[in-house]
Amino acid sequence: MIQLDDGEVAQRLPWKALIAAIERMLLGGGFAPRRQSYHLKGQRGGEGHFLTMPAWQDDSVIGVKLVTAWPDNIARGLPNHGASYILMDARSGEVRAVLAAEALTHRRTAAVSVLAATRLLPAGAERLLVAGTGPV
């Protein structure tokens, strides 16, 4: 099983390859149902959320991003969310990889933005600027 931190995730997801892989998936290579969100109540007060975001390719791989969000963590000097991505073999159920998901999320968001923008660009355009807020 592979375990990757955010730095290793970013290194192993070069932009061109990532964008091409996401484009293949969006054009019909996999399934990604709506994310599920569950409300959490903290024992020390505060409220949070637990999110699950599955996606899969039949007979190939299953992935699920797991996220917790606790807005009051910021006041305690902690990140307001945490996330991991688990990749499994779809046939055997064997866990293939566990990835830190912050860099994965940032790269996926930017890559999908590039795909959307390139489909909307006028013919002959040679440059694309993607601007956002925060880490993306």
Foldseek 3Di string as FASTA:
>chain_A
DAEEELVVVLVVCDLVVVLVVVVVVVVPQKDKDDKDKDKAADPVGFIKIWIWTWMDGPQAKIKIKIKIATPCVVVVVDDRMFIKMWMAGNPPRHTDYIYGCPNVVVSNVVSVVVVVVVVVDDPPDDDDDDDDDDPD
